[in-house]
Amino acid sequence: MERKKTDCPALPPGWKKEEVIRKSGLSAGKSDVYYYSPTGKKFRSKPQLARYLGNAVDLACFDFRTGKMMPGKLQKNKQRFRHDAQNLAKGGKPDLNTALPIRQTASIFKQPVTKVTSHPGNKVKTDLQRAVEQPRQLFWEKRLTGLRSSDITEQVLRSMDLPKGLQGIGPDAGDDVLLSAIASALHMSSAPITGQTSAAAEKNPAIWLNTTQPLCKPFTVTDEQIRDQELKVFQARRSLEEALTADGLARAAENSRELLQGKTA
């Protein structure tokens, strides 16, 4: 990797900008940008930088990649926010679309048909089932295979470990597909999640699959599992509280040291 470290005039004196250019691999030619405080602390993203500097520096129009103030960028953001606010004031709805990437297939059900004649007894018949729910592609959950979440440093997060009682059915029934199927079922439907209760679904899921349930065998949730999950949530919240407290104390101490160094300089 090639590293270039220069002064950053957009930030207070003593701040450095480092650009790391990758020389090999699939990402060859791309670069990562980091910033260093006068005390040597490293920052990987603009939110980290903003939390550290606080109100000392206005980073609203600061471009993290170039290290320059971009007033035009701030103006565009203001125009976009103003346009969104005007749309909401006129009765427009915010974009809250959380639809999953489900490809809609051609319907095999009966379509509404209008019989055009002059007979007074003619009626228009509609398919009530089609009006309630749109058809889905069979095993559409496979399209979510391989998708992974990453943090601000582009490091892939570890996937969730499913309980032993959850077992997938169907082609390529891996844990990632099963997790996506259960998450989407909880998100898209208010009905209870029971899995595929029909025994025939395991032999030929392409025919006997219940499309309203995720691709897994029937399962039950016991009171012991609920208590274990509540304990995990409590421990996670306690760990997060301790981490936030420690981070706040560390930042306060570091700010105090920098103030003392500034006064003695």
C-alpha atoms as a PDB file:
ATOM      1  CA  MET A   1       0.000   0.000   0.000  1.00  0.00           C
ATOM      2  CA  GLU A   2       1.088   3.566  -0.676  1.00  0.00           C
ATOM      3  CA  ARG A   3       0.512   6.097   2.103  1.00  0.00           C
ATOM      4  CA  LYS A   4       0.379   9.868   1.702  1.00  0.00           C
ATOM      5  CA  LYS A   5       0.025  12.075   4.790  1.00  0.00           C
ATOM      6  CA  THR A   6      -0.568  15.824   4.408  1.00  0.00           C
ATOM      7  CA  ASP A   7      -1.829  18.738   6.481  1.00  0.00           C
ATOM      8  CA  CYS A   8      -5.562  19.429   6.442  1.00  0.00           C
ATOM      9  CA  PRO A   9      -6.188  23.202   6.305  1.00  0.00           C
ATOM     10  CA  ALA A  10      -9.956  22.752   6.737  1.00  0.00           C
ATOM     11  CA  LEU A  11      -9.414  21.437  10.273  1.00  0.00           C
ATOM     12  CA  PRO A  12      -7.644  23.095  13.226  1.00  0.00           C
ATOM     13  CA  PRO A  13      -3.839  23.314  13.147  1.00  0.00           C
ATOM     14  CA  GLY A  14      -1.999  20.055  13.689  1.00  0.00           C
ATOM     15  CA  TRP A  15      -4.562  17.813  11.995  1.00  0.00           C
ATOM     16  CA  LYS A  16      -3.238  15.409   9.339  1.00  0.00           C
ATOM     17  CA  LYS A  17      -4.969  13.649   6.456  1.00  0.00           C
ATOM     18  CA  GLU A  18      -3.697  10.240   5.323  1.00  0.00           C
ATOM     19  CA  GLU A  19      -4.628   8.622   2.004  1.00  0.00           C
ATOM     20  CA  VAL A  20      -3.845   4.911   1.668  1.00  0.00           C
ATOM     21  CA  ILE A  21      -3.850   3.641  -1.937  1.00  0.00           C
ATOM     22  CA  ARG A  22      -4.279  -0.107  -2.417  1.00  0.00           C
ATOM     23  CA  LYS A  23      -1.756  -1.677  -4.801  1.00  0.00           C
ATOM     24  CA  SER A  24      -3.047  -5.240  -5.111  1.00  0.00           C
ATOM     25  CA  GLY A  25      -6.179  -7.347  -4.910  1.00  0.00           C
ATOM     26  CA  LEU A  26      -9.615  -6.771  -6.365  1.00  0.00           C
ATOM     27  CA  SER A  27      -9.702  -3.242  -4.933  1.00  0.00           C
ATOM     28  CA  ALA A  28      -6.358  -2.168  -6.445  1.00  0.00           C
ATOM     29  CA  GLY A  29      -6.355   1.537  -7.259  1.00  0.00           C
ATOM     30  CA  LYS A  30      -8.934   2.442  -4.623  1.00  0.00           C
ATOM     31  CA  SER A  31      -7.962   4.518  -1.627  1.00  0.00           C
ATOM     32  CA  ASP A  32      -8.971   4.888   2.023  1.00  0.00           C
ATOM     33  CA  VAL A  33      -8.878   8.230   3.842  1.00  0.00           C
ATOM     34  CA  TYR A  34      -8.046   8.684   7.527  1.00  0.00           C
ATOM     35  CA  TYR A  35      -7.509  11.718   9.747  1.00  0.00           C
ATOM     36  CA  TYR A  36      -5.170  12.140  12.735  1.00  0.00           C
ATOM     37  CA  SER A  37      -5.581  14.606  15.584  1.00  0.00           C
ATOM     38  CA  PRO A  38      -2.579  16.532  16.934  1.00  0.00           C
ATOM     39  CA  THR A  39      -2.290  13.822  19.612  1.00  0.00           C
ATOM     40  CA  GLY A  40      -2.197  11.036  17.011  1.00  0.00           C
ATOM     41  CA  LYS A  41      -5.741   9.682  17.401  1.00  0.00           C
ATOM     42  CA  LYS A  42      -7.024   8.057  14.186  1.00  0.00           C
ATOM     43  CA  PHE A  43     -10.479   8.731  12.675  1.00  0.00           C
ATOM     44  CA  ARG A  44     -12.002   6.524   9.978  1.00  0.00           C
ATOM     45  CA  SER A  45     -15.278   8.327   9.215  1.00  0.00           C
ATOM     46  CA  LYS A  46     -16.936  11.730   9.274  1.00  0.00           C
ATOM     47  CA  PRO A  47     -19.351  10.823  12.126  1.00  0.00           C
ATOM     48  CA  GLN A  48     -16.379   9.868  14.331  1.00  0.00           C
ATOM     49  CA  LEU A  49     -14.723  13.165  13.474  1.00  0.00           C
ATOM     50  CA  ALA A  50     -17.886  15.147  14.223  1.00  0.00           C
ATOM     51  CA  ARG A  51     -18.394  13.455  17.598  1.00  0.00           C
ATOM     52  CA  TYR A  52     -14.801  14.205  18.602  1.00  0.00           C
ATOM     53  CA  LEU A  53     -14.737  17.860  17.507  1.00  0.00           C
ATOM     54  CA  GLY A  54     -18.250  18.630  18.721  1.00  0.00           C
ATOM     55  CA  ASN A  55     -19.174  22.292  18.251  1.00  0.00           C
ATOM     56  CA  ALA A  56     -15.554  23.391  17.830  1.00  0.00           C
ATOM     57  CA  VAL A  57     -15.697  22.952  14.029  1.00  0.00           C
ATOM     58  CA  ASP A  58     -18.758  23.003  11.756  1.00  0.00           C
ATOM     59  CA  LEU A  59     -18.406  19.952   9.482  1.00  0.00           C
ATOM     60  CA  ALA A  60     -21.725  20.389   7.665  1.00  0.00           C
ATOM     61  CA  CYS A  61     -20.021  21.132   4.342  1.00  0.00           C
ATOM     62  CA  PHE A  62     -16.796  19.207   5.032  1.00  0.00           C
ATOM     63  CA  ASP A  63     -15.978  16.545   2.423  1.00  0.00           C
ATOM     64  CA  PHE A  64     -14.279  13.629   4.182  1.00  0.00           C
ATOM     65  CA  ARG A  65     -12.658  12.211   1.041  1.00  0.00           C
ATOM     66  CA  THR A  66     -11.009  15.441  -0.206  1.00  0.00           C
ATOM     67  CA  GLY A  67     -10.490  17.128   3.161  1.00  0.00           C
ATOM     68  CA  LYS A  68     -11.970  20.401   1.911  1.00  0.00           C
ATOM     69  CA  MET A  69     -14.973  22.531   2.780  1.00  0.00           C
ATOM     70  CA  MET A  70     -17.595  22.272   0.009  1.00  0.00           C
ATOM     71  CA  PRO A  71     -20.206  25.051   0.428  1.00  0.00           C
ATOM     72  CA  GLY A  72     -22.000  23.855  -2.716  1.00  0.00           C
ATOM     73  CA  LYS A  73     -22.612  20.472  -1.094  1.00  0.00           C
ATOM     74  CA  LEU A  74     -24.297  22.125   1.872  1.00  0.00           C
ATOM     75  CA  GLN A  75     -26.459  24.227  -0.467  1.00  0.00           C
ATOM     76  CA  LYS A  76     -27.616  21.122  -2.352  1.00  0.00           C
ATOM     77  CA  ASN A  77     -28.535  19.406   0.913  1.00  0.00           C
ATOM     78  CA  LYS A  78     -30.520  22.463   2.018  1.00  0.00           C
ATOM     79  CA  GLN A  79     -32.383  22.533  -1.282  1.00  0.00           C
ATOM     80  CA  ARG A  80     -33.181  18.824  -1.014  1.00  0.00           C
ATOM     81  CA  PHE A  81     -34.434  19.160   2.569  1.00  0.00           C
ATOM     82  CA  ARG A  82     -36.487  22.234   1.589  1.00  0.00           C
ATOM     83  CA  HIS A  83     -38.019  20.327  -1.320  1.00  0.00           C
ATOM     84  CA  ASP A  84     -38.892  17.378   0.952  1.00  0.00           C
ATOM     85  CA  ALA A  85     -40.412  19.706   3.533  1.00  0.00           C
ATOM     86  CA  GLN A  86     -42.538  21.415   0.869  1.00  0.00           C
ATOM     87  CA  ASN A  87     -43.811  18.076  -0.394  1.00  0.00           C
ATOM     88  CA  LEU A  88     -44.778  17.024   3.129  1.00  0.00           C
ATOM     89  CA  ALA A  89     -46.468  20.400   3.729  1.00  0.00           C
ATOM     90  CA  LYS A  90     -48.570  19.929   0.586  1.00  0.00           C
ATOM     91  CA  GLY A  91     -49.825  16.595   1.819  1.00  0.00           C
ATOM     92  CA  GLY A  92     -47.143  14.409   0.282  1.00  0.00           C
ATOM     93  CA  LYS A  93     -46.061  11.222   1.980  1.00  0.00           C
ATOM     94  CA  PRO A  94     -42.468  10.446   3.015  1.00  0.00           C
ATOM     95  CA  ASP A  95     -40.654   7.606   1.313  1.00  0.00           C
ATOM     96  CA  LEU A  96     -41.090   4.769   3.808  1.00  0.00           C
ATOM     97  CA  ASN A  97     -40.877   1.937   1.307  1.00  0.00           C
ATOM     98  CA  THR A  98     -39.374  -1.138   2.972  1.00  0.00           C
ATOM     99  CA  ALA A  99     -40.428  -3.651   0.322  1.00  0.00           C
ATOM    100  CA  LEU A 100     -38.164  -6.656  -0.043  1.00  0.00           C
ATOM    101  CA  PRO A 101     -36.600  -7.485  -3.443  1.00  0.00           C
ATOM    102  CA  ILE A 102     -39.391  -9.858  -4.479  1.00  0.00           C
ATOM    103  CA  ARG A 103     -39.881 -10.294  -8.204  1.00  0.00           C
ATOM    104  CA  GLN A 104     -43.549 -10.333  -9.149  1.00  0.00           C
ATOM    105  CA  THR A 105     -44.447 -13.195 -11.474  1.00  0.00           C
ATOM    106  CA  ALA A 106     -47.077 -13.392 -14.160  1.00  0.00           C
ATOM    107  CA  SER A 107     -50.398 -14.348 -12.607  1.00  0.00           C
ATOM    108  CA  ILE A 108     -51.850 -17.794 -13.306  1.00  0.00           C
ATOM    109  CA  PHE A 109     -55.132 -16.913 -11.611  1.00  0.00           C
ATOM    110  CA  LYS A 110     -58.299 -15.760 -13.324  1.00  0.00           C
ATOM    111  CA  GLN A 111     -58.167 -12.147 -14.416  1.00  0.00           C
ATOM    112  CA  PRO A 112     -61.054  -9.650 -14.257  1.00  0.00           C
ATOM    113  CA  VAL A 113     -63.048  -9.956 -17.469  1.00  0.00           C
ATOM    114  CA  THR A 114     -65.592  -7.504 -18.834  1.00  0.00           C
ATOM    115  CA  LYS A 115     -68.165  -8.968 -21.138  1.00  0.00           C
ATOM    116  CA  VAL A 116     -69.153  -6.190 -23.561  1.00  0.00           C
ATOM    117  CA  THR A 117     -72.643  -6.788 -24.940  1.00  0.00           C
ATOM    118  CA  SER A 118     -75.946  -5.041 -24.729  1.00  0.00           C
ATOM    119  CA  HIS A 119     -77.510  -7.699 -22.469  1.00  0.00           C
ATOM    120  CA  PRO A 120     -78.730  -6.104 -19.190  1.00  0.00           C
ATOM    121  CA  GLY A 121     -77.720  -9.161 -17.117  1.00  0.00           C
ATOM    122  CA  ASN A 122     -73.976  -8.942 -17.806  1.00  0.00           C
ATOM    123  CA  LYS A 123     -71.661  -8.464 -14.796  1.00  0.00           C
ATOM    124  CA  VAL A 124     -67.943  -7.862 -14.200  1.00  0.00           C
ATOM    125  CA  LYS A 125     -66.334 -10.657 -12.182  1.00  0.00           C
ATOM    126  CA  THR A 126     -63.127 -10.090 -10.232  1.00  0.00           C
ATOM    127  CA  ASP A 127     -60.771 -12.423  -8.403  1.00  0.00           C
ATOM    128  CA  LEU A 128     -60.917 -11.401  -4.734  1.00  0.00           C
ATOM    129  CA  GLN A 129     -57.780 -13.407  -3.883  1.00  0.00           C
ATOM    130  CA  ARG A 130     -55.699 -11.464  -6.407  1.00  0.00           C
ATOM    131  CA  ALA A 131     -56.978  -8.164  -5.035  1.00  0.00           C
ATOM    132  CA  VAL A 132     -55.757  -9.069  -1.538  1.00  0.00           C
ATOM    133  CA  GLU A 133     -52.270 -10.490  -2.234  1.00  0.00           C
ATOM    134  CA  GLN A 134     -49.963 -10.293  -5.223  1.00  0.00           C
ATOM    135  CA  PRO A 135     -48.357 -13.574  -6.358  1.00  0.00           C
ATOM    136  CA  ARG A 136     -44.728 -14.165  -5.424  1.00  0.00           C
ATOM    137  CA  GLN A 137     -41.952 -16.043  -7.115  1.00  0.00           C
ATOM    138  CA  LEU A 138     -41.470 -19.481  -5.531  1.00  0.00           C
ATOM    139  CA  PHE A 139     -38.378 -19.658  -3.277  1.00  0.00           C
ATOM    140  CA  TRP A 140     -37.809 -15.916  -3.705  1.00  0.00           C
ATOM    141  CA  GLU A 141     -35.765 -15.947  -0.472  1.00  0.00           C
ATOM    142  CA  LYS A 142     -32.809 -17.387  -2.419  1.00  0.00           C
ATOM    143  CA  ARG A 143     -32.263 -13.906  -3.877  1.00  0.00           C
ATOM    144  CA  LEU A 144     -31.079 -12.796  -0.435  1.00  0.00           C
ATOM    145  CA  THR A 145     -28.334 -15.441  -0.355  1.00  0.00           C
ATOM    146  CA  GLY A 146     -24.849 -14.024   0.165  1.00  0.00           C
ATOM    147  CA  LEU A 147     -25.928 -10.593   1.416  1.00  0.00           C
ATOM    148  CA  ARG A 148     -23.908  -9.482   4.438  1.00  0.00           C
ATOM    149  CA  SER A 149     -23.938  -6.431   6.682  1.00  0.00           C
ATOM    150  CA  SER A 150     -20.765  -4.457   7.337  1.00  0.00           C
ATOM    151  CA  ASP A 151     -19.688  -1.732   9.748  1.00  0.00           C
ATOM    152  CA  ILE A 152     -18.283   1.707   8.947  1.00  0.00           C
ATOM    153  CA  THR A 153     -14.840   0.172   8.345  1.00  0.00           C
ATOM    154  CA  GLU A 154     -16.344  -2.168   5.704  1.00  0.00           C
ATOM    155  CA  GLN A 155     -15.681  -5.191   7.920  1.00  0.00           C
ATOM    156  CA  VAL A 156     -18.307  -7.926   7.432  1.00  0.00           C
ATOM    157  CA  LEU A 157     -20.343  -8.532  10.579  1.00  0.00           C
ATOM    158  CA  ARG A 158     -20.724 -12.052  11.916  1.00  0.00           C
ATOM    159  CA  SER A 159     -24.069 -13.622  11.026  1.00  0.00           C
ATOM    160  CA  MET A 160     -26.552 -14.712  13.662  1.00  0.00           C
ATOM    161  CA  ASP A 161     -26.492 -18.269  14.995  1.00  0.00           C
ATOM    162  CA  LEU A 162     -29.929 -19.854  14.698  1.00  0.00           C
ATOM    163  CA  PRO A 163     -31.309 -22.226  17.353  1.00  0.00           C
ATOM    164  CA  LYS A 164     -31.010 -25.935  16.685  1.00  0.00           C
ATOM    165  CA  GLY A 165     -34.788 -26.273  16.470  1.00  0.00           C
ATOM    166  CA  LEU A 166     -34.918 -24.161  13.294  1.00  0.00           C
ATOM    167  CA  GLN A 167     -34.253 -26.293  10.231  1.00  0.00           C
ATOM    168  CA  GLY A 168     -34.752 -25.124   6.668  1.00  0.00           C
ATOM    169  CA  ILE A 169     -36.470 -26.982   3.858  1.00  0.00           C
ATOM    170  CA  GLY A 170     -36.325 -26.561   0.115  1.00  0.00           C
ATOM    171  CA  PRO A 171     -33.390 -26.151  -2.278  1.00  0.00           C
ATOM    172  CA  ASP A 172     -30.201 -24.682  -0.816  1.00  0.00           C
ATOM    173  CA  ALA A 173     -31.795 -24.323   2.607  1.00  0.00           C
ATOM    174  CA  GLY A 174     -28.832 -22.675   4.321  1.00  0.00           C
ATOM    175  CA  ASP A 175     -28.867 -20.706   7.557  1.00  0.00           C
ATOM    176  CA  ASP A 176     -28.533 -17.362   5.748  1.00  0.00           C
ATOM    177  CA  VAL A 177     -31.584 -18.068   3.573  1.00  0.00           C
ATOM    178  CA  LEU A 178     -33.569 -19.295   6.577  1.00  0.00           C
ATOM    179  CA  LEU A 179     -32.653 -16.221   8.613  1.00  0.00           C
ATOM    180  CA  SER A 180     -33.732 -13.921   5.772  1.00  0.00           C
ATOM    181  CA  ALA A 181     -36.984 -15.846   5.347  1.00  0.00           C
ATOM    182  CA  ILE A 182     -37.901 -15.621   9.046  1.00  0.00           C
ATOM    183  CA  ALA A 183     -36.934 -11.929   9.269  1.00  0.00           C
ATOM    184  CA  SER A 184     -39.024 -11.042   6.210  1.00  0.00           C
ATOM    185  CA  ALA A 185     -41.993 -13.072   7.526  1.00  0.00           C
ATOM    186  CA  LEU A 186     -41.891 -11.154  10.812  1.00  0.00           C
ATOM    187  CA  HIS A 187     -41.579  -7.879   8.916  1.00  0.00           C
ATOM    188  CA  MET A 188     -44.225  -8.438   6.239  1.00  0.00           C
ATOM    189  CA  SER A 189     -46.928 -10.347   8.104  1.00  0.00           C
ATOM    190  CA  SER A 190     -48.769 -10.011  11.407  1.00  0.00           C
ATOM    191  CA  ALA A 191     -49.782 -13.694  11.436  1.00  0.00           C
ATOM    192  CA  PRO A 192     -48.034 -16.211  13.754  1.00  0.00           C
ATOM    193  CA  ILE A 193     -44.856 -17.790  12.377  1.00  0.00           C
ATOM    194  CA  THR A 194     -45.181 -21.571  12.625  1.00  0.00           C
ATOM    195  CA  GLY A 195     -43.125 -22.857   9.677  1.00  0.00           C
ATOM    196  CA  GLN A 196     -44.292 -25.406   7.105  1.00  0.00           C
ATOM    197  CA  THR A 197     -46.770 -27.528   9.080  1.00  0.00           C
ATOM    198  CA  SER A 198     -47.580 -29.881   6.203  1.00  0.00           C
ATOM    199  CA  ALA A 199     -45.479 -33.060   6.154  1.00  0.00           C
ATOM    200  CA  ALA A 200     -45.796 -33.189   2.360  1.00  0.00           C
ATOM    201  CA  ALA A 201     -43.899 -29.888   2.071  1.00  0.00           C
ATOM    202  CA  GLU A 202     -40.642 -31.642   3.030  1.00  0.00           C
ATOM    203  CA  LYS A 203     -41.052 -34.230   0.255  1.00  0.00           C
ATOM    204  CA  ASN A 204     -42.024 -31.818  -2.517  1.00  0.00           C
ATOM    205  CA  PRO A 205     -41.894 -28.167  -1.374  1.00  0.00           C
ATOM    206  CA  ALA A 206     -42.442 -26.875  -4.906  1.00  0.00           C
ATOM    207  CA  ILE A 207     -46.053 -28.189  -4.746  1.00  0.00           C
ATOM    208  CA  TRP A 208     -47.094 -28.235  -1.074  1.00  0.00           C
ATOM    209  CA  LEU A 209     -45.273 -25.104   0.104  1.00  0.00           C
ATOM    210  CA  ASN A 210     -47.271 -22.662   2.238  1.00  0.00           C
ATOM    211  CA  THR A 211     -46.149 -19.307   0.810  1.00  0.00           C
ATOM    212  CA  THR A 212     -47.333 -17.389   3.896  1.00  0.00           C
ATOM    213  CA  GLN A 213     -44.764 -19.168   6.108  1.00  0.00           C
ATOM    214  CA  PRO A 214     -40.926 -19.165   5.980  1.00  0.00           C
ATOM    215  CA  LEU A 215     -38.958 -22.076   4.513  1.00  0.00           C
ATOM    216  CA  CYS A 216     -38.466 -24.042   7.733  1.00  0.00           C
ATOM    217  CA  LYS A 217     -39.831 -27.072   9.528  1.00  0.00           C
ATOM    218  CA  PRO A 218     -42.477 -26.614  12.254  1.00  0.00           C
ATOM    219  CA  PHE A 219     -41.047 -25.343  15.534  1.00  0.00           C
ATOM    220  CA  THR A 220     -42.191 -24.219  18.965  1.00  0.00           C
ATOM    221  CA  VAL A 221     -40.762 -21.566  21.270  1.00  0.00           C
ATOM    222  CA  THR A 222     -40.536 -22.636  24.909  1.00  0.00           C
ATOM    223  CA  ASP A 223     -40.634 -20.452  28.008  1.00  0.00           C
ATOM    224  CA  GLU A 224     -37.017 -21.383  28.736  1.00  0.00           C
ATOM    225  CA  GLN A 225     -35.907 -20.073  25.337  1.00  0.00           C
ATOM    226  CA  ILE A 226     -37.791 -16.826  25.963  1.00  0.00           C
ATOM    227  CA  ARG A 227     -36.076 -16.369  29.341  1.00  0.00           C
ATOM    228  CA  ASP A 228     -32.674 -17.103  27.800  1.00  0.00           C
ATOM    229  CA  GLN A 229     -33.286 -14.507  25.110  1.00  0.00           C
ATOM    230  CA  GLU A 230     -34.376 -11.919  27.677  1.00  0.00           C
ATOM    231  CA  LEU A 231     -31.148 -12.559  29.597  1.00  0.00           C
ATOM    232  CA  LYS A 232     -29.068 -12.073  26.429  1.00  0.00           C
ATOM    233  CA  VAL A 233     -30.832  -8.778  25.696  1.00  0.00           C
ATOM    234  CA  PHE A 234     -30.244  -7.602  29.270  1.00  0.00           C
ATOM    235  CA  GLN A 235     -26.533  -8.496  29.083  1.00  0.00           C
ATOM    236  CA  ALA A 236     -26.150  -6.786  25.714  1.00  0.00           C
ATOM    237  CA  ARG A 237     -27.758  -3.602  27.025  1.00  0.00           C
ATOM    238  CA  ARG A 238     -25.546  -3.667  30.107  1.00  0.00           C
ATOM    239  CA  SER A 239     -22.401  -4.105  27.968  1.00  0.00           C
ATOM    240  CA  LEU A 240     -23.477  -1.254  25.694  1.00  0.00           C
ATOM    241  CA  GLU A 241     -24.101   1.002  28.693  1.00  0.00           C
ATOM    242  CA  GLU A 242     -20.659   0.243  30.117  1.00  0.00           C
ATOM    243  CA  ALA A 243     -18.984   0.823  26.735  1.00  0.00           C
ATOM    244  CA  LEU A 244     -20.719   4.194  26.262  1.00  0.00           C
ATOM    245  CA  THR A 245     -19.766   5.272  29.778  1.00  0.00           C
ATOM    246  CA  ALA A 246     -16.133   4.270  29.263  1.00  0.00           C
ATOM    247  CA  ASP A 247     -16.012   6.047  25.894  1.00  0.00           C
ATOM    248  CA  GLY A 248     -17.436   9.237  27.389  1.00  0.00           C
ATOM    249  CA  LEU A 249     -14.894   9.228  30.215  1.00  0.00           C
ATOM    250  CA  ALA A 250     -12.024   8.553  27.804  1.00  0.00           C
ATOM    251  CA  ARG A 251     -13.038  11.409  25.512  1.00  0.00           C
ATOM    252  CA  ALA A 252     -13.427  13.792  28.450  1.00  0.00           C
ATOM    253  CA  ALA A 253      -9.953  12.880  29.715  1.00  0.00           C
ATOM    254  CA  GLU A 254      -8.431  13.278  26.260  1.00  0.00           C
ATOM    255  CA  ASN A 255     -10.055  16.677  25.768  1.00  0.00           C
ATOM    256  CA  SER A 256      -8.711  17.766  29.150  1.00  0.00           C
ATOM    257  CA  ARG A 257      -5.178  16.696  28.187  1.00  0.00           C
ATOM    258  CA  GLU A 258      -5.377  18.599  24.906  1.00  0.00           C
ATOM    259  CA  LEU A 259      -6.567  21.722  26.696  1.00  0.00           C
ATOM    260  CA  LEU A 260      -3.646  21.483  29.132  1.00  0.00           C
ATOM    261  CA  GLN A 261      -1.197  20.970  26.274  1.00  0.00           C
ATOM    262  CA  GLY A 262      -2.649  23.991  24.482  1.00  0.00           C
ATOM    263  CA  LYS A 263      -2.228  26.195  27.550  1.00  0.00           C
ATOM    264  CA  THR A 264       1.370  25.070  28.177  1.00  0.00           C
ATOM    265  CA  ALA A 265       2.400  25.425  24.500  1.00  0.00           C
END
